[in-house]
Protein backbone atom coordinates (compact mmCIF):
# COMPACT_ATOMS: atom_id res chain seq x y z
CA MET A 1 132.84 122.26 116.01
CA SER A 2 130.83 120.23 113.50
CA ILE A 3 128.62 117.18 114.01
CA ARG A 4 127.42 114.78 111.35
CA GLN A 5 123.71 114.87 110.62
CA TYR A 6 123.07 111.24 111.57
CA THR A 7 124.14 108.75 114.22
CA GLU A 8 124.83 105.02 114.14
CA LEU A 9 123.47 102.35 116.49
CA VAL A 10 126.17 99.91 117.63
CA ASN A 11 125.45 97.39 120.41
CA ASP A 12 122.40 99.32 121.62
CA GLN A 13 124.46 102.54 121.84
CA HIS A 14 124.24 105.62 119.63
CA TYR A 15 127.48 107.07 118.24
CA GLY A 16 127.93 110.47 116.62
CA TYR A 17 130.93 111.96 114.86
CA VAL A 18 132.57 115.26 115.68
CA ASP A 19 135.39 117.56 114.71
CA TYR A 20 136.79 120.00 117.31
CA GLU A 21 137.87 122.39 114.52
CA ILE A 22 141.42 121.03 114.57
CA ASN A 23 142.71 121.36 111.00
CA TYR A 24 139.08 121.77 109.95
CA LYS A 25 138.31 123.01 106.45
CA ILE A 26 134.84 124.07 105.40
CA ASN A 27 135.18 122.76 101.87
CA SER A 28 136.90 119.56 102.80
CA GLU A 29 135.57 116.40 101.18
CA ASN A 30 136.52 114.19 104.14
CA ASN A 31 134.23 115.72 106.75
CA ASP A 32 132.47 112.38 107.27
CA ASN A 33 135.68 110.53 108.04
CA LEU A 34 135.89 111.77 111.61
CA LEU A 35 136.58 110.03 114.91
CA GLU A 36 133.78 108.65 117.06
CA ALA A 37 132.42 111.15 119.58
CA THR A 38 132.49 108.91 122.65
CA SER A 39 133.63 111.67 125.02
CA VAL A 40 131.12 113.49 127.19
CA CYS A 41 132.74 116.77 126.12
CA VAL A 42 130.69 116.57 122.94
CA PHE A 43 127.45 116.77 124.84
CA LEU A 44 128.75 119.53 127.10
CA LEU A 45 129.74 121.60 124.07
CA VAL A 46 126.40 120.95 122.40
CA CYS A 47 124.62 122.10 125.53
CA ILE A 48 126.70 125.27 125.72
CA ASN A 49 125.84 126.00 122.10
CA GLU A 50 122.13 125.61 122.99
CA ARG A 51 121.45 122.56 120.86
CA GLY A 52 118.70 121.30 123.14
CA LEU A 53 120.60 118.78 125.29
CA HIS A 54 121.18 118.80 129.03
CA THR A 55 124.48 118.31 130.80
CA ALA A 56 123.08 115.66 133.20
CA VAL A 57 123.37 118.02 136.18
CA LYS A 58 120.61 119.89 137.99
CA ILE A 59 122.14 123.32 137.42
CA ASN A 60 120.47 125.36 134.68
CA ARG A 61 119.89 129.01 133.82
CA ARG A 62 117.56 129.48 136.81
CA HIS A 63 120.38 128.59 139.19
CA LEU A 64 122.73 131.06 137.52
CA ASN A 65 120.12 133.84 137.56
CA TRP A 66 119.00 133.31 141.14
CA GLN A 67 118.57 136.98 142.08
CA ARG A 68 114.82 136.96 141.41
CA GLU A 69 114.28 133.64 143.21
CA LYS A 70 116.14 134.15 146.46
CA MET A 71 113.41 132.48 148.55
CA ASN A 72 113.12 129.37 146.36
CA VAL A 73 114.43 126.70 148.73
CA GLN A 74 114.10 123.90 146.19
CA LEU A 75 116.22 125.80 143.70
CA ALA A 76 118.96 126.32 146.28
CA VAL A 77 118.98 122.71 147.48
CA GLN A 78 119.32 121.34 143.94
CA ILE A 79 122.84 122.76 143.79
CA PHE A 80 123.90 120.36 146.56
CA SER A 81 123.57 117.15 144.52
CA ASN A 82 126.04 114.42 143.62
CA SER A 83 125.59 115.15 139.92
CA VAL A 84 127.03 118.64 140.43
CA ALA A 85 129.93 117.26 142.48
CA ASN A 86 130.62 114.62 139.81
CA ALA A 87 130.66 117.30 137.11
CA ILE A 88 133.17 119.37 139.10
CA ASP A 89 135.39 116.32 139.71
CA PHE A 90 135.18 115.42 136.03
CA CYS A 91 136.35 118.87 134.98
CA ARG A 92 139.19 118.82 137.52
CA ILE A 93 140.42 115.20 137.31
CA ASP A 94 139.54 113.97 133.82
CA LEU A 95 139.55 117.16 131.78
CA LYS A 96 142.26 118.80 133.94
CA LEU A 97 140.80 122.26 133.46
CA GLN A 98 142.77 124.96 135.25
CA GLN A 99 139.59 126.74 136.34
CA PHE A 100 138.78 123.74 138.59
CA ASP A 101 142.22 123.22 140.18
CA ASN A 102 141.07 124.31 143.67
CA SER A 103 137.59 122.76 143.57
CA THR A 104 138.25 119.74 145.81
CA ALA A 105 136.80 121.40 148.90
CA THR A 106 133.76 122.56 146.91
CA SER A 107 132.90 119.08 145.63
CA LEU A 108 133.42 117.63 149.13
CA PHE A 109 131.06 120.24 150.62
CA ILE A 110 128.41 119.49 147.98
CA ARG A 111 128.63 115.73 148.57
CA ASN A 112 128.36 116.09 152.34
CA MET A 113 125.34 118.40 152.04
CA ASN A 114 123.71 115.98 149.60
CA ASN A 115 124.27 113.03 151.95
CA ILE A 116 122.96 114.98 154.94
CA PHE A 117 119.78 115.94 153.09
CA ASP A 118 119.29 112.33 151.99
CA LEU A 119 119.82 111.05 155.53
CA LEU A 120 117.29 113.50 156.98
CA ASN A 121 114.71 112.77 154.26
CA SER A 122 114.71 108.98 153.83
CA ARG A 123 111.32 107.90 152.48
CA ASN A 124 111.62 104.49 150.82
CA LEU A 125 112.28 101.30 152.77
CA LEU A 126 113.62 99.50 149.67
CA CYS A 127 115.93 102.27 148.47
CA LYS A 128 119.23 100.98 147.02
CA ASN A 129 121.17 104.22 147.45
CA GLU A 130 123.15 104.01 150.69
CA SER A 131 122.71 107.69 151.53
CA GLN A 132 118.90 107.45 151.15
CA GLN A 133 118.31 104.18 152.98
CA PRO A 134 116.23 104.26 156.19
CA ILE A 135 117.93 103.52 159.48
CA SER A 136 117.75 99.83 160.42
CA LEU A 137 119.69 97.23 162.40
CA SER A 138 121.77 96.36 159.34
CA ASN A 139 123.12 99.88 158.78
CA ILE A 140 122.75 101.69 162.11
CA ASP A 141 126.48 101.45 162.89
CA ARG A 142 127.46 102.86 159.50
CA ILE A 143 124.92 105.68 159.75
CA LYS A 144 126.10 106.61 163.25
CA GLU A 145 129.67 106.84 161.96
CA ASN A 146 128.51 109.00 159.05
CA ILE A 147 126.56 111.28 161.40
CA THR A 148 129.64 111.74 163.58
CA LYS A 149 131.70 112.53 160.47
CA TYR A 150 129.12 115.08 159.24
CA ILE A 151 128.94 116.79 162.63
CA GLU A 152 132.72 117.11 162.78
CA TYR A 153 132.80 118.43 159.22
CA ILE A 154 130.20 121.14 159.89
CA ASN A 155 131.97 122.19 163.09
CA ASP A 156 135.24 122.54 161.16
CA LEU A 157 133.82 124.81 158.45
CA TYR A 158 135.30 128.32 158.37
CA ILE A 159 134.34 131.53 156.58
CA ASP A 160 136.59 134.60 156.74
CA ASN A 161 138.78 132.94 159.41
CA LYS A 162 135.72 132.39 161.59
CA LYS A 163 133.84 129.21 162.35
CA MET A 164 130.64 128.85 160.35
CA VAL A 165 128.63 127.86 163.44
CA LEU A 166 129.67 131.18 165.04
CA SER A 167 129.17 133.40 162.01
CA GLU A 168 126.14 135.40 160.90
CA ARG A 169 125.08 132.51 158.63
CA LYS A 170 125.06 129.93 161.39
CA ILE A 171 121.29 129.25 161.57
CA GLY A 172 121.12 126.63 158.83
CA PHE A 173 124.22 124.79 160.02
CA LEU A 174 123.07 124.78 163.65
CA GLY A 175 119.78 123.32 162.46
CA MET A 176 121.65 120.55 160.64
CA LEU A 177 123.69 119.76 163.75
CA THR A 178 120.53 119.58 165.86
CA CYS A 179 118.73 117.33 163.37
CA LEU A 180 121.71 115.00 162.99
CA GLN A 181 122.13 114.61 166.75
CA ASN A 182 118.39 114.03 167.20
CA ILE A 183 118.34 111.37 164.48
CA LYS A 184 121.28 109.64 166.13
CA ASP A 185 119.57 109.65 169.55
CA ILE A 186 116.25 108.43 168.11
CA ALA A 187 118.00 105.62 166.24
CA GLU A 188 119.78 104.49 169.40
CA THR A 189 116.48 104.56 171.31
CA LEU A 190 114.24 102.81 168.77
CA ILE A 191 116.46 100.76 166.46
CA ALA A 192 119.27 99.64 168.76
CA THR A 193 116.76 98.49 171.39
CA LYS A 194 114.69 96.69 168.69
CA LYS A 195 111.56 98.67 169.49
CA GLN A 196 111.28 99.44 165.79
CA ASN A 197 112.66 97.65 162.73
CA PHE A 198 113.42 100.73 160.65
CA LEU A 199 113.11 104.51 160.77
CA LEU A 200 112.05 106.79 157.90
CA THR A 201 113.43 110.19 158.83
CA TYR A 202 111.17 112.09 156.41
CA LYS A 203 108.18 111.44 158.68
CA ILE A 204 109.81 112.97 161.76
CA CYS A 205 108.80 116.48 162.75
CA CYS A 206 109.05 117.37 166.45
CA ILE A 207 106.90 120.49 166.09
CA CYS A 208 104.03 118.60 164.46
CA LYS A 209 104.36 115.75 166.97
CA HIS A 210 103.85 118.10 169.91
CA LEU A 211 100.78 119.61 168.23
CA LEU A 212 99.03 116.24 168.37
CA ILE A 213 99.64 115.71 172.10
CA GLY A 214 97.97 117.67 174.88
CA THR A 215 97.67 117.57 178.66
CA ASP A 216 94.83 120.00 179.36
CA CYS A 217 92.03 118.18 177.48
CA MET A 218 91.84 114.91 179.40
CA SER A 219 88.27 113.79 180.15
CA ALA A 220 87.07 111.92 183.22
CA LEU A 221 86.66 108.73 181.16
CA GLN A 222 90.27 108.99 179.98
CA GLN A 223 91.47 109.40 183.55
CA ARG A 224 89.68 106.20 184.56
CA LYS A 225 90.87 104.20 181.56
CA CYS A 226 94.45 105.47 181.59
CA ARG A 227 96.99 103.01 182.99
CA GLY A 228 100.03 105.14 182.40
CA GLY A 229 100.63 104.68 178.66
CA LEU A 230 97.69 106.58 177.18
CA ILE A 231 98.54 109.59 174.98
CA ASN A 232 96.11 112.47 175.31
CA ALA A 233 94.97 114.36 172.24
CA SER A 234 95.45 118.11 171.96
CA SER A 235 92.60 120.59 171.71
CA ASP A 236 93.16 120.99 167.96
CA VAL A 237 92.84 117.25 167.40
CA ILE A 238 89.59 117.24 169.40
CA LYS A 239 88.24 120.08 167.25
CA LEU A 240 89.01 118.12 164.10
CA CYS A 241 87.34 115.02 165.53
CA ASN A 242 84.21 117.05 166.32
CA ILE A 243 84.16 118.40 162.76
CA ALA A 244 84.54 114.88 161.36
CA GLU A 245 81.75 113.58 163.62
CA ARG A 246 79.36 116.27 162.41
CA ILE A 247 80.17 115.43 158.79
CA ILE A 248 79.58 111.72 159.40
CA ARG A 249 76.16 112.37 160.96
CA ARG A 250 75.14 115.08 158.49
CA TYR A 251 76.02 113.15 155.33
CA PRO A 252 74.94 109.51 155.89
CA HIS A 253 74.34 109.08 152.16
CA GLU A 254 78.10 109.36 151.60
CA HIS A 255 78.81 106.19 153.58
CA ASN A 256 77.91 103.77 150.79
CA LYS A 257 79.46 105.71 147.91
CA ARG A 258 82.81 105.04 146.34
CA HIS A 259 85.77 106.34 148.38
CA PRO A 260 83.61 107.64 151.26
CA ILE A 261 86.56 108.68 153.45
CA GLN A 262 88.10 110.91 150.79
CA ARG A 263 84.70 112.45 150.03
CA MET A 264 84.03 113.34 153.66
CA ILE A 265 87.56 114.69 154.15
CA ILE A 266 86.97 117.14 151.30
CA ILE A 267 83.69 118.22 152.90
CA ALA A 268 85.26 118.52 156.36
CA LEU A 269 88.07 120.75 155.09
CA ARG A 270 85.48 123.45 154.39
CA TYR A 271 84.75 123.75 158.12
CA VAL A 272 88.37 123.77 159.34
CA THR A 273 89.22 127.20 160.76
CA SER A 274 92.59 128.93 160.61
CA ASP A 275 93.21 128.64 164.37
CA ILE A 276 93.75 124.87 164.14
CA PHE A 277 97.46 123.97 164.16
CA ASP A 278 98.35 127.65 163.77
CA ASP A 279 101.71 127.08 165.49
CA VAL A 280 103.20 125.24 162.50
CA LEU A 281 105.32 128.18 161.35
CA HIS A 282 107.47 126.11 159.00
CA MET A 283 104.44 125.79 156.71
CA LEU A 284 105.54 129.16 155.30
CA GLU A 285 108.60 127.45 153.80
CA GLN A 286 106.59 124.81 151.92
CA GLY A 287 104.07 124.65 149.11
CA PRO A 288 100.42 125.57 149.85
CA LEU A 289 99.28 121.97 149.25
CA GLN A 290 102.33 120.21 150.72
CA ASP A 291 102.80 121.86 154.12
CA HIS A 292 102.70 119.87 157.32
CA ARG A 293 99.56 121.63 158.58
CA THR A 294 97.46 120.36 155.68
CA GLU A 295 98.93 116.88 155.98
CA LEU A 296 98.25 116.79 159.74
CA ILE A 297 94.64 117.89 159.29
CA LYS A 298 93.99 115.31 156.58
CA LEU A 299 95.68 112.58 158.61
CA VAL A 300 93.58 113.28 161.73
CA LEU A 301 90.36 113.44 159.70
CA HIS A 302 91.21 110.26 157.81
CA THR A 303 92.00 108.33 160.99
CA TYR A 304 88.84 109.41 162.81
CA ILE A 305 86.47 108.92 159.85
CA GLN A 306 87.95 105.51 159.09
CA LEU A 307 87.50 104.44 162.72
CA ARG A 308 83.90 105.67 162.88
CA LEU A 309 82.87 104.11 159.56
CA ARG A 310 84.26 100.76 160.62
CA TYR A 311 82.18 100.91 163.78
CA ILE A 312 79.06 102.00 161.87
CA PHE A 313 79.34 99.16 159.36
CA ALA A 314 80.12 96.64 162.10
CA SER A 315 77.15 97.80 164.21
CA LYS A 316 74.79 97.11 161.30
CA GLN A 317 75.74 93.45 161.51
CA HIS A 318 74.71 93.39 165.17
CA LYS A 319 71.10 94.19 164.25
CA ILE A 320 70.71 91.01 162.22
CA LYS A 321 68.89 88.19 163.99
CA ARG A 322 71.43 85.41 164.24
CA VAL A 323 69.83 81.99 163.85
CA ARG A 324 72.80 79.94 162.69
CA LYS A 325 74.11 79.39 166.22
CA LYS A 326 70.64 78.42 167.44
CA PHE A 327 69.82 75.93 164.70
CA THR A 328 73.28 74.47 164.08
CA THR A 329 72.92 71.86 166.83
CA LEU A 330 69.34 71.07 165.82
CA VAL A 331 70.29 70.54 162.17
CA ASN A 332 73.21 68.31 163.11
CA PHE A 333 70.98 66.30 165.46
CA LYS A 334 68.50 65.58 162.66
CA ASN A 335 71.33 64.72 160.25
CA GLN A 336 70.28 67.42 157.78
């Protein structure tokens, strides 16, 4: 294969010229009179020959040499992307390569896994991709149908003439079934009844939710004020609030500085012990700075410090002697 040394810009698009070594002669004088390389095969061949381009899929050498990165979850999940499924379909349908004749089931599996991951990790309310959109009144019926389709698909998966959900590798698929059914039930409870306008599934974690709620730390004041809808904080949340209160009282000079909440959160993290939220075992599957335990601690500290600083700043206004209300009528009476 040979490629000309320069490209041409036509209608905001770059075109190169290529010869697939069909009737190619090294000493030919007509090497520049070649056909336009508008096929994506050119870029695939260039990538294979290590010319510095990428094939527009997420698979690279790390995915092929996965033996030393068996526990890298992100590396494994990247295989289940639509770009990989599109590349397989392109090789089977458009290029008609014999190596991809029986790849229909593989591309279908990859697409379903990609859509399931997108559904369980929706983050952006304004997302245009249908598989990544949050659950709302406008799409709840479509999402419920998709969830039913995904559940049926997972239940119909077989490996070695045995159902996948009954095999030795069933844990991940059972987890998907549980998450899909939970999302469907939550959507019917919150969205269908119009208690909530939309639902971002990325923010849902049942384990972390139960860590914030407790029943054995209710004070006498809470019992008197509770009218049936009050949620009681857990002992770990109370510990974090006590740490935040000590920081607020110990560092009053931080109140008037720039970004006081972030400053005090950094100081408070020094006093957080390892026994707080120690039941979040899935933190071992995430990055050290992106696990749910760290996010929960920062969220609790941020909420409490923000609430206390608002009260402190508002209470300073109460100490001012208010004379406007007293003299307003007198000034109006004297026409001043």
